[in-house]
Amino acid sequence: MRNLITNPSISVHLSSEAEAIILEGTAKYVTDPSHPLAALSMAASKEKDPQYFSGSESPFRPFWALQPATAFAWTLEGFPRGATRWRFENS
C-alpha cells in the first residue's frame, strides 16, 4: 500500500496462457461511501469473505480502484495481428 500511495501508477493483467488483457492506469484509494463503486465493492467483499461481515448492514470499508488509461488485449492464436489497444480519457 505504501508503494501505491507514493506512486499510484499501476499495471495489472489477466493470468492466462491463451489470452492477454493488460490494464494500465492509476490506483485510487476510495474513502467515500457514496462513491459509485462502493456498493459493488462491499457486495463483492461480502460474497467472497462472508465471515468478516455480520448482520445485514456492514460498515463501509475503503478500497482501491483502478482508473484505466490504456488497455491491451490479444489471444495467443491471433497475436500479433489481433492485438488491440484502447485509450481512456480521464474523467
PDB file of N, CA and C in Angstrom:
ATOM      1  N   MET A   1       0.815  -1.173   0.000  1.00  0.00           N
ATOM      2  CA  MET A   1       0.000   0.000   0.000  1.00  0.00           C
ATOM      3  C   MET A   1       0.871   1.255   0.000  1.00  0.00           C
ATOM      4  N   ARG A   2       1.974   1.225   0.725  1.00  0.00           N
ATOM      5  CA  ARG A   2       2.858   2.394   0.729  1.00  0.00           C
ATOM      6  C   ARG A   2       3.338   2.723  -0.674  1.00  0.00           C
ATOM      7  N   ASN A   3       3.622   1.688  -1.457  1.00  0.00           N
ATOM      8  CA  ASN A   3       4.100   1.922  -2.824  1.00  0.00           C
ATOM      9  C   ASN A   3       3.038   2.622  -3.671  1.00  0.00           C
ATOM     10  N   LEU A   4       1.777   2.229  -3.532  1.00  0.00           N
ATOM     11  CA  LEU A   4       0.711   2.858  -4.312  1.00  0.00           C
ATOM     12  C   LEU A   4       0.465   4.301  -3.884  1.00  0.00           C
ATOM     13  N   ILE A   5       0.652   4.587  -2.610  1.00  0.00           N
ATOM     14  CA  ILE A   5       0.493   5.960  -2.143  1.00  0.00           C
ATOM     15  C   ILE A   5       1.604   6.829  -2.719  1.00  0.00           C
ATOM     16  N   THR A   6       2.824   6.289  -2.759  1.00  0.00           N
ATOM     17  CA  THR A   6       3.965   7.029  -3.292  1.00  0.00           C
ATOM     18  C   THR A   6       3.892   7.168  -4.806  1.00  0.00           C
ATOM     19  N   ASN A   7       3.542   6.076  -5.485  1.00  0.00           N
ATOM     20  CA  ASN A   7       3.471   6.065  -6.951  1.00  0.00           C
ATOM     21  C   ASN A   7       2.224   5.285  -7.364  1.00  0.00           C
ATOM     22  N   PRO A   8       1.109   5.957  -7.644  1.00  0.00           N
ATOM     23  CA  PRO A   8      -0.137   5.256  -7.929  1.00  0.00           C
ATOM     24  C   PRO A   8      -0.241   4.651  -9.334  1.00  0.00           C
ATOM     25  N   SER A   9       0.811   4.769 -10.144  1.00  0.00           N
ATOM     26  CA  SER A   9       0.773   4.132 -11.468  1.00  0.00           C
ATOM     27  C   SER A   9       0.771   2.620 -11.287  1.00  0.00           C
ATOM     28  N   ILE A  10      -0.097   1.952 -12.062  1.00  0.00           N
ATOM     29  CA  ILE A  10      -0.249   0.509 -11.864  1.00  0.00           C
ATOM     30  C   ILE A  10      -0.507  -0.181 -13.206  1.00  0.00           C
ATOM     31  N   SER A  11      -0.069  -1.413 -13.299  1.00  0.00           N
ATOM     32  CA  SER A  11      -0.328  -2.261 -14.452  1.00  0.00           C
ATOM     33  C   SER A  11      -0.765  -3.621 -13.920  1.00  0.00           C
ATOM     34  N   VAL A  12      -1.918  -4.105 -14.364  1.00  0.00           N
ATOM     35  CA  VAL A  12      -2.428  -5.409 -13.939  1.00  0.00           C
ATOM     36  C   VAL A  12      -2.775  -6.226 -15.175  1.00  0.00           C
ATOM     37  N   HIS A  13      -2.755  -7.553 -15.023  1.00  0.00           N
ATOM     38  CA  HIS A  13      -3.035  -8.412 -16.173  1.00  0.00           C
ATOM     39  C   HIS A  13      -3.822  -9.635 -15.765  1.00  0.00           C
ATOM     40  N   LEU A  14      -4.472 -10.230 -16.740  1.00  0.00           N
ATOM     41  CA  LEU A  14      -5.208 -11.470 -16.580  1.00  0.00           C
ATOM     42  C   LEU A  14      -4.211 -12.615 -16.602  1.00  0.00           C
ATOM     43  N   SER A  15      -4.361 -13.543 -15.682  1.00  0.00           N
ATOM     44  CA  SER A  15      -3.465 -14.690 -15.632  1.00  0.00           C
ATOM     45  C   SER A  15      -4.007 -15.792 -16.539  1.00  0.00           C
ATOM     46  N   SER A  16      -3.505 -15.825 -17.762  1.00  0.00           N
ATOM     47  CA  SER A  16      -3.967 -16.799 -18.742  1.00  0.00           C
ATOM     48  C   SER A  16      -2.849 -17.079 -19.730  1.00  0.00           C
ATOM     49  N   GLU A  17      -2.774 -18.330 -20.175  1.00  0.00           N
ATOM     50  CA  GLU A  17      -1.770 -18.687 -21.173  1.00  0.00           C
ATOM     51  C   GLU A  17      -2.259 -18.431 -22.593  1.00  0.00           C
ATOM     52  N   ALA A  18      -3.575 -18.340 -22.779  1.00  0.00           N
ATOM     53  CA  ALA A  18      -4.133 -18.205 -24.121  1.00  0.00           C
ATOM     54  C   ALA A  18      -4.618 -16.799 -24.452  1.00  0.00           C
ATOM     55  N   GLU A  19      -4.873 -15.983 -23.438  1.00  0.00           N
ATOM     56  CA  GLU A  19      -5.396 -14.641 -23.655  1.00  0.00           C
ATOM     57  C   GLU A  19      -4.620 -13.644 -22.811  1.00  0.00           C
ATOM     58  N   ALA A  20      -4.415 -12.470 -23.356  1.00  0.00           N
ATOM     59  CA  ALA A  20      -3.754 -11.407 -22.602  1.00  0.00           C
ATOM     60  C   ALA A  20      -4.685 -10.212 -22.510  1.00  0.00           C
ATOM     61  N   ILE A  21      -4.886  -9.739 -21.302  1.00  0.00           N
ATOM     62  CA  ILE A  21      -5.599  -8.492 -21.055  1.00  0.00           C
ATOM     63  C   ILE A  21      -4.760  -7.739 -20.041  1.00  0.00           C
ATOM     64  N   ILE A  22      -4.296  -6.565 -20.429  1.00  0.00           N
ATOM     65  CA  ILE A  22      -3.432  -5.759 -19.573  1.00  0.00           C
ATOM     66  C   ILE A  22      -4.066  -4.387 -19.413  1.00  0.00           C
ATOM     67  N   LEU A  23      -4.230  -3.960 -18.182  1.00  0.00           N
ATOM     68  CA  LEU A  23      -4.758  -2.627 -17.890  1.00  0.00           C
ATOM     69  C   LEU A  23      -3.666  -1.797 -17.247  1.00  0.00           C
ATOM     70  N   GLU A  24      -3.478  -0.592 -17.745  1.00  0.00           N
ATOM     71  CA  GLU A  24      -2.522   0.345 -17.158  1.00  0.00           C
ATOM     72  C   GLU A  24      -3.289   1.591 -16.754  1.00  0.00           C
ATOM     73  N   GLY A  25      -2.942   2.143 -15.603  1.00  0.00           N
ATOM     74  CA  GLY A  25      -3.633   3.342 -15.158  1.00  0.00           C
ATOM     75  C   GLY A  25      -3.161   3.797 -13.805  1.00  0.00           C
ATOM     76  N   THR A  26      -4.093   4.340 -13.041  1.00  0.00           N
ATOM     77  CA  THR A  26      -3.792   4.922 -11.741  1.00  0.00           C
ATOM     78  C   THR A  26      -4.649   4.252 -10.678  1.00  0.00           C
ATOM     79  N   ALA A  27      -4.008   3.871  -9.578  1.00  0.00           N
ATOM     80  CA  ALA A  27      -4.738   3.317  -8.437  1.00  0.00           C
ATOM     81  C   ALA A  27      -5.236   4.466  -7.582  1.00  0.00           C
ATOM     82  N   LYS A  28      -6.496   4.400  -7.219  1.00  0.00           N
ATOM     83  CA  LYS A  28      -7.099   5.445  -6.384  1.00  0.00           C
ATOM     84  C   LYS A  28      -7.667   4.789  -5.131  1.00  0.00           C
ATOM     85  N   TYR A  29      -7.335   5.360  -3.973  1.00  0.00           N
ATOM     86  CA  TYR A  29      -7.847   4.863  -2.700  1.00  0.00           C
ATOM     87  C   TYR A  29      -9.183   5.541  -2.435  1.00  0.00           C
ATOM     88  N   VAL A  30     -10.248   4.761  -2.422  1.00  0.00           N
ATOM     89  CA  VAL A  30     -11.601   5.297  -2.293  1.00  0.00           C
ATOM     90  C   VAL A  30     -12.025   5.254  -0.826  1.00  0.00           C
ATOM     91  N   THR A  31     -12.286   6.418  -0.259  1.00  0.00           N
ATOM     92  CA  THR A  31     -12.714   6.517   1.138  1.00  0.00           C
ATOM     93  C   THR A  31     -14.122   7.077   1.274  1.00  0.00           C
ATOM     94  N   ASP A  32     -14.749   7.399   0.154  1.00  0.00           N
ATOM     95  CA  ASP A  32     -16.088   7.995   0.151  1.00  0.00           C
ATOM     96  C   ASP A  32     -17.145   6.905   0.010  1.00  0.00           C
ATOM     97  N   PRO A  33     -17.979   6.684   1.035  1.00  0.00           N
ATOM     98  CA  PRO A  33     -19.005   5.642   0.941  1.00  0.00           C
ATOM     99  C   PRO A  33     -20.062   5.902  -0.131  1.00  0.00           C
ATOM    100  N   SER A  34     -20.140   7.122  -0.658  1.00  0.00           N
ATOM    101  CA  SER A  34     -21.123   7.407  -1.716  1.00  0.00           C
ATOM    102  C   SER A  34     -20.513   7.252  -3.111  1.00  0.00           C
ATOM    103  N   HIS A  35     -19.269   6.803  -3.195  1.00  0.00           N
ATOM    104  CA  HIS A  35     -18.619   6.571  -4.489  1.00  0.00           C
ATOM    105  C   HIS A  35     -19.447   5.554  -5.280  1.00  0.00           C
ATOM    106  N   PRO A  36     -19.568   5.730  -6.607  1.00  0.00           N
ATOM    107  CA  PRO A  36     -20.391   4.812  -7.415  1.00  0.00           C
ATOM    108  C   PRO A  36     -19.977   3.343  -7.312  1.00  0.00           C
ATOM    109  N   LEU A  37     -18.725   3.057  -7.001  1.00  0.00           N
ATOM    110  CA  LEU A  37     -18.282   1.661  -6.894  1.00  0.00           C
ATOM    111  C   LEU A  37     -18.359   1.105  -5.473  1.00  0.00           C
ATOM    112  N   ALA A  38     -18.708   1.929  -4.493  1.00  0.00           N
ATOM    113  CA  ALA A  38     -18.685   1.497  -3.095  1.00  0.00           C
ATOM    114  C   ALA A  38     -19.633   0.319  -2.836  1.00  0.00           C
ATOM    115  N   ALA A  39     -20.852   0.404  -3.306  1.00  0.00           N
ATOM    116  CA  ALA A  39     -21.823  -0.674  -3.066  1.00  0.00           C
ATOM    117  C   ALA A  39     -21.381  -1.964  -3.748  1.00  0.00           C
ATOM    118  N   LEU A  40     -20.858  -1.855  -4.972  1.00  0.00           N
ATOM    119  CA  LEU A  40     -20.377  -3.048  -5.678  1.00  0.00           C
ATOM    120  C   LEU A  40     -19.186  -3.665  -4.962  1.00  0.00           C
ATOM    121  N   SER A  41     -18.290  -2.828  -4.463  1.00  0.00           N
ATOM    122  CA  SER A  41     -17.124  -3.318  -3.743  1.00  0.00           C
ATOM    123  C   SER A  41     -17.536  -4.053  -2.467  1.00  0.00           C
ATOM    124  N   MET A  42     -18.467  -3.466  -1.724  1.00  0.00           N
ATOM    125  CA  MET A  42     -18.929  -4.108  -0.486  1.00  0.00           C
ATOM    126  C   MET A  42     -19.637  -5.434  -0.782  1.00  0.00           C
ATOM    127  N   ALA A  43     -20.449  -5.470  -1.818  1.00  0.00           N
ATOM    128  CA  ALA A  43     -21.165  -6.705  -2.175  1.00  0.00           C
ATOM    129  C   ALA A  43     -20.179  -7.801  -2.574  1.00  0.00           C
ATOM    130  N   ALA A  44     -19.165  -7.449  -3.352  1.00  0.00           N
ATOM    131  CA  ALA A  44     -18.168  -8.437  -3.774  1.00  0.00           C
ATOM    132  C   ALA A  44     -17.363  -8.933  -2.577  1.00  0.00           C
ATOM    133  N   SER A  45     -16.994  -8.030  -1.683  1.00  0.00           N
ATOM    134  CA  SER A  45     -16.238  -8.426  -0.491  1.00  0.00           C
ATOM    135  C   SER A  45     -17.070  -9.336   0.401  1.00  0.00           C
ATOM    136  N   LYS A  46     -18.336  -8.989   0.566  1.00  0.00           N
ATOM    137  CA  LYS A  46     -19.223  -9.797   1.416  1.00  0.00           C
ATOM    138  C   LYS A  46     -19.445 -11.184   0.825  1.00  0.00           C
ATOM    139  N   GLU A  47     -19.553 -11.265  -0.492  1.00  0.00           N
ATOM    140  CA  GLU A  47     -19.736 -12.563  -1.142  1.00  0.00           C
ATOM    141  C   GLU A  47     -18.472 -13.418  -1.028  1.00  0.00           C
ATOM    142  N   LYS A  48     -17.322 -12.788  -1.187  1.00  0.00           N
ATOM    143  CA  LYS A  48     -16.055 -13.528  -1.146  1.00  0.00           C
ATOM    144  C   LYS A  48     -15.689 -13.958   0.273  1.00  0.00           C
ATOM    145  N   ASP A  49     -15.868 -13.067   1.241  1.00  0.00           N
ATOM    146  CA  ASP A  49     -15.458 -13.335   2.627  1.00  0.00           C
ATOM    147  C   ASP A  49     -16.599 -13.048   3.598  1.00  0.00           C
ATOM    148  N   PRO A  50     -17.671 -13.839   3.566  1.00  0.00           N
ATOM    149  CA  PRO A  50     -18.832 -13.551   4.424  1.00  0.00           C
ATOM    150  C   PRO A  50     -18.517 -13.630   5.919  1.00  0.00           C
ATOM    151  N   GLN A  51     -17.487 -14.347   6.290  1.00  0.00           N
ATOM    152  CA  GLN A  51     -17.146 -14.492   7.706  1.00  0.00           C
ATOM    153  C   GLN A  51     -16.725 -13.173   8.346  1.00  0.00           C
ATOM    154  N   TYR A  52     -16.362 -12.189   7.548  1.00  0.00           N
ATOM    155  CA  TYR A  52     -15.938 -10.892   8.074  1.00  0.00           C
ATOM    156  C   TYR A  52     -17.085  -9.887   8.172  1.00  0.00           C
ATOM    157  N   PHE A  53     -18.296 -10.314   7.839  1.00  0.00           N
ATOM    158  CA  PHE A  53     -19.450  -9.426   7.860  1.00  0.00           C
ATOM    159  C   PHE A  53     -20.498 -10.000   8.799  1.00  0.00           C
ATOM    160  N   SER A  54     -21.117  -9.155   9.589  1.00  0.00           N
ATOM    161  CA  SER A  54     -22.176  -9.616  10.479  1.00  0.00           C
ATOM    162  C   SER A  54     -23.404  -8.731  10.279  1.00  0.00           C
ATOM    163  N   GLY A  55     -24.565  -9.322  10.356  1.00  0.00           N
ATOM    164  CA  GLY A  55     -25.797  -8.567  10.173  1.00  0.00           C
ATOM    165  C   GLY A  55     -26.020  -8.175   8.729  1.00  0.00           C
ATOM    166  N   SER A  56     -27.127  -7.484   8.498  1.00  0.00           N
ATOM    167  CA  SER A  56     -27.452  -7.098   7.137  1.00  0.00           C
ATOM    168  C   SER A  56     -26.720  -5.816   6.729  1.00  0.00           C
ATOM    169  N   GLU A  57     -26.456  -4.928   7.676  1.00  0.00           N
ATOM    170  CA  GLU A  57     -25.749  -3.681   7.380  1.00  0.00           C
ATOM    171  C   GLU A  57     -24.276  -3.835   7.744  1.00  0.00           C
ATOM    172  N   SER A  58     -23.423  -3.625   6.792  1.00  0.00           N
ATOM    173  CA  SER A  58     -21.986  -3.722   7.026  1.00  0.00           C
ATOM    174  C   SER A  58     -21.379  -2.334   6.917  1.00  0.00           C
ATOM    175  N   PRO A  59     -20.403  -2.034   7.765  1.00  0.00           N
ATOM    176  CA  PRO A  59     -19.773  -0.719   7.674  1.00  0.00           C
ATOM    177  C   PRO A  59     -18.965  -0.596   6.381  1.00  0.00           C
ATOM    178  N   PHE A  60     -18.888   0.624   5.870  1.00  0.00           N
ATOM    179  CA  PHE A  60     -18.100   0.880   4.671  1.00  0.00           C
ATOM    180  C   PHE A  60     -16.632   0.617   4.957  1.00  0.00           C
ATOM    181  N   ARG A  61     -15.963  -0.030   4.014  1.00  0.00           N
ATOM    182  CA  ARG A  61     -14.519  -0.257   4.110  1.00  0.00           C
ATOM    183  C   ARG A  61     -13.865   0.375   2.892  1.00  0.00           C
ATOM    184  N   PRO A  62     -12.882   1.262   3.107  1.00  0.00           N
ATOM    185  CA  PRO A  62     -12.188   1.863   1.970  1.00  0.00           C
ATOM    186  C   PRO A  62     -11.577   0.788   1.074  1.00  0.00           C
ATOM    187  N   PHE A  63     -11.409   1.114  -0.204  1.00  0.00           N
ATOM    188  CA  PHE A  63     -10.878   0.135  -1.155  1.00  0.00           C
ATOM    189  C   PHE A  63     -10.077   0.846  -2.234  1.00  0.00           C
ATOM    190  N   TRP A  64      -9.290   0.076  -2.956  1.00  0.00           N
ATOM    191  CA  TRP A  64      -8.506   0.588  -4.085  1.00  0.00           C
ATOM    192  C   TRP A  64      -9.281   0.344  -5.367  1.00  0.00           C
ATOM    193  N   ALA A  65      -9.274   1.333  -6.259  1.00  0.00           N
ATOM    194  CA  ALA A  65      -9.921   1.204  -7.572  1.00  0.00           C
ATOM    195  C   ALA A  65      -8.914   1.586  -8.647  1.00  0.00           C
ATOM    196  N   LEU A  66      -8.973   0.899  -9.753  1.00  0.00           N
ATOM    197  CA  LEU A  66      -8.095   1.203 -10.887  1.00  0.00           C
ATOM    198  C   LEU A  66      -8.831   2.121 -11.850  1.00  0.00           C
ATOM    199  N   GLN A  67      -8.244   3.278 -12.123  1.00  0.00           N
ATOM    200  CA  GLN A  67      -8.762   4.172 -13.167  1.00  0.00           C
ATOM    201  C   GLN A  67      -7.909   3.907 -14.398  1.00  0.00           C
ATOM    202  N   PRO A  68      -8.430   3.131 -15.362  1.00  0.00           N
ATOM    203  CA  PRO A  68      -7.601   2.746 -16.502  1.00  0.00           C
ATOM    204  C   PRO A  68      -7.293   3.915 -17.434  1.00  0.00           C
ATOM    205  N   ALA A  69      -6.093   3.890 -17.976  1.00  0.00           N
ATOM    206  CA  ALA A  69      -5.679   4.848 -19.001  1.00  0.00           C
ATOM    207  C   ALA A  69      -5.541   4.138 -20.339  1.00  0.00           C
ATOM    208  N   THR A  70      -5.019   2.900 -20.298  1.00  0.00           N
ATOM    209  CA  THR A  70      -4.802   2.113 -21.509  1.00  0.00           C
ATOM    210  C   THR A  70      -5.115   0.650 -21.215  1.00  0.00           C
ATOM    211  N   ALA A  71      -5.676  -0.034 -22.192  1.00  0.00           N
ATOM    212  CA  ALA A  71      -5.910  -1.474 -22.103  1.00  0.00           C
ATOM    213  C   ALA A  71      -5.377  -2.124 -23.373  1.00  0.00           C
ATOM    214  N   PHE A  72      -4.757  -3.267 -23.202  1.00  0.00           N
ATOM    215  CA  PHE A  72      -4.253  -4.066 -24.318  1.00  0.00           C
ATOM    216  C   PHE A  72      -4.890  -5.443 -24.220  1.00  0.00           C
ATOM    217  N   ALA A  73      -5.207  -6.048 -25.364  1.00  0.00           N
ATOM    218  CA  ALA A  73      -5.786  -7.389 -25.352  1.00  0.00           C
ATOM    219  C   ALA A  73      -5.415  -8.122 -26.630  1.00  0.00           C
ATOM    220  N   TRP A  74      -5.166  -9.429 -26.475  1.00  0.00           N
ATOM    221  CA  TRP A  74      -4.932 -10.288 -27.627  1.00  0.00           C
ATOM    222  C   TRP A  74      -5.058 -11.737 -27.187  1.00  0.00           C
ATOM    223  N   THR A  75      -5.166 -12.612 -28.167  1.00  0.00           N
ATOM    224  CA  THR A  75      -5.140 -14.046 -27.898  1.00  0.00           C
ATOM    225  C   THR A  75      -3.840 -14.600 -28.461  1.00  0.00           C
ATOM    226  N   LEU A  76      -3.401 -15.681 -27.914  1.00  0.00           N
ATOM    227  CA  LEU A  76      -2.171 -16.309 -28.388  1.00  0.00           C
ATOM    228  C   LEU A  76      -2.325 -16.708 -29.849  1.00  0.00           C
ATOM    229  N   GLU A  77      -3.502 -17.219 -30.201  1.00  0.00           N
ATOM    230  CA  GLU A  77      -3.776 -17.659 -31.568  1.00  0.00           C
ATOM    231  C   GLU A  77      -3.750 -16.486 -32.555  1.00  0.00           C
ATOM    232  N   GLY A  78      -4.264 -15.318 -32.147  1.00  0.00           N
ATOM    233  CA  GLY A  78      -4.379 -14.194 -33.059  1.00  0.00           C
ATOM    234  C   GLY A  78      -3.218 -13.204 -33.015  1.00  0.00           C
ATOM    235  N   PHE A  79      -2.243 -13.448 -32.130  1.00  0.00           N
ATOM    236  CA  PHE A  79      -1.137 -12.489 -31.979  1.00  0.00           C
ATOM    237  C   PHE A  79      -0.162 -12.611 -33.133  1.00  0.00           C
ATOM    238  N   PRO A  80       0.349 -11.559 -33.702  1.00  0.00           N
ATOM    239  CA  PRO A  80       0.197 -10.154 -33.333  1.00  0.00           C
ATOM    240  C   PRO A  80      -0.913  -9.434 -34.100  1.00  0.00           C
ATOM    241  N   ARG A  81      -1.503 -10.097 -35.106  1.00  0.00           N
ATOM    242  CA  ARG A  81      -2.497  -9.419 -35.942  1.00  0.00           C
ATOM    243  C   ARG A  81      -3.742  -9.002 -35.163  1.00  0.00           C
ATOM    244  N   GLY A  82      -4.115  -9.763 -34.159  1.00  0.00           N
ATOM    245  CA  GLY A  82      -5.349  -9.482 -33.426  1.00  0.00           C
ATOM    246  C   GLY A  82      -5.165  -8.639 -32.183  1.00  0.00           C
ATOM    247  N   ALA A  83      -3.980  -8.106 -31.958  1.00  0.00           N
ATOM    248  CA  ALA A  83      -3.749  -7.278 -30.773  1.00  0.00           C
ATOM    249  C   ALA A  83      -4.529  -5.968 -30.874  1.00  0.00           C
ATOM    250  N   THR A  84      -5.101  -5.557 -29.754  1.00  0.00           N
ATOM    251  CA  THR A  84      -5.915  -4.349 -29.720  1.00  0.00           C
ATOM    252  C   THR A  84      -5.487  -3.467 -28.560  1.00  0.00           C
ATOM    253  N   ARG A  85      -5.567  -2.152 -28.765  1.00  0.00           N
ATOM    254  CA  ARG A  85      -5.275  -1.198 -27.686  1.00  0.00           C
ATOM    255  C   ARG A  85      -6.415  -0.198 -27.598  1.00  0.00           C
ATOM    256  N   TRP A  86      -6.818   0.085 -26.351  1.00  0.00           N
ATOM    257  CA  TRP A  86      -7.830   1.111 -26.098  1.00  0.00           C
ATOM    258  C   TRP A  86      -7.194   2.158 -25.192  1.00  0.00           C
ATOM    259  N   ARG A  87      -7.545   3.406 -25.423  1.00  0.00           N
ATOM    260  CA  ARG A  87      -7.106   4.500 -24.543  1.00  0.00           C
ATOM    261  C   ARG A  87      -8.346   5.154 -23.951  1.00  0.00           C
ATOM    262  N   PHE A  88      -8.291   5.430 -22.659  1.00  0.00           N
ATOM    263  CA  PHE A  88      -9.420   6.013 -21.956  1.00  0.00           C
ATOM    264  C   PHE A  88      -9.090   7.430 -21.516  1.00  0.00           C
ATOM    265  N   GLU A  89     -10.057   8.307 -21.644  1.00  0.00           N
ATOM    266  CA  GLU A  89      -9.876   9.679 -21.186  1.00  0.00           C
ATOM    267  C   GLU A  89     -10.123   9.722 -19.683  1.00  0.00           C
ATOM    268  N   ASN A  90      -9.395  10.581 -18.999  1.00  0.00           N
ATOM    269  CA  ASN A  90      -9.628  10.776 -17.570  1.00  0.00           C
ATOM    270  C   ASN A  90     -10.958  11.457 -17.374  1.00  0.00           C
ATOM    271  N   SER A  91     -11.695  10.980 -16.362  1.00  0.00           N
ATOM    272  CA  SER A  91     -12.997  11.615 -16.089  1.00  0.00           C
ATOM    273  C   SER A  91     -13.001  12.270 -14.745  1.00  0.00           C
TER     274      SER A  91
END
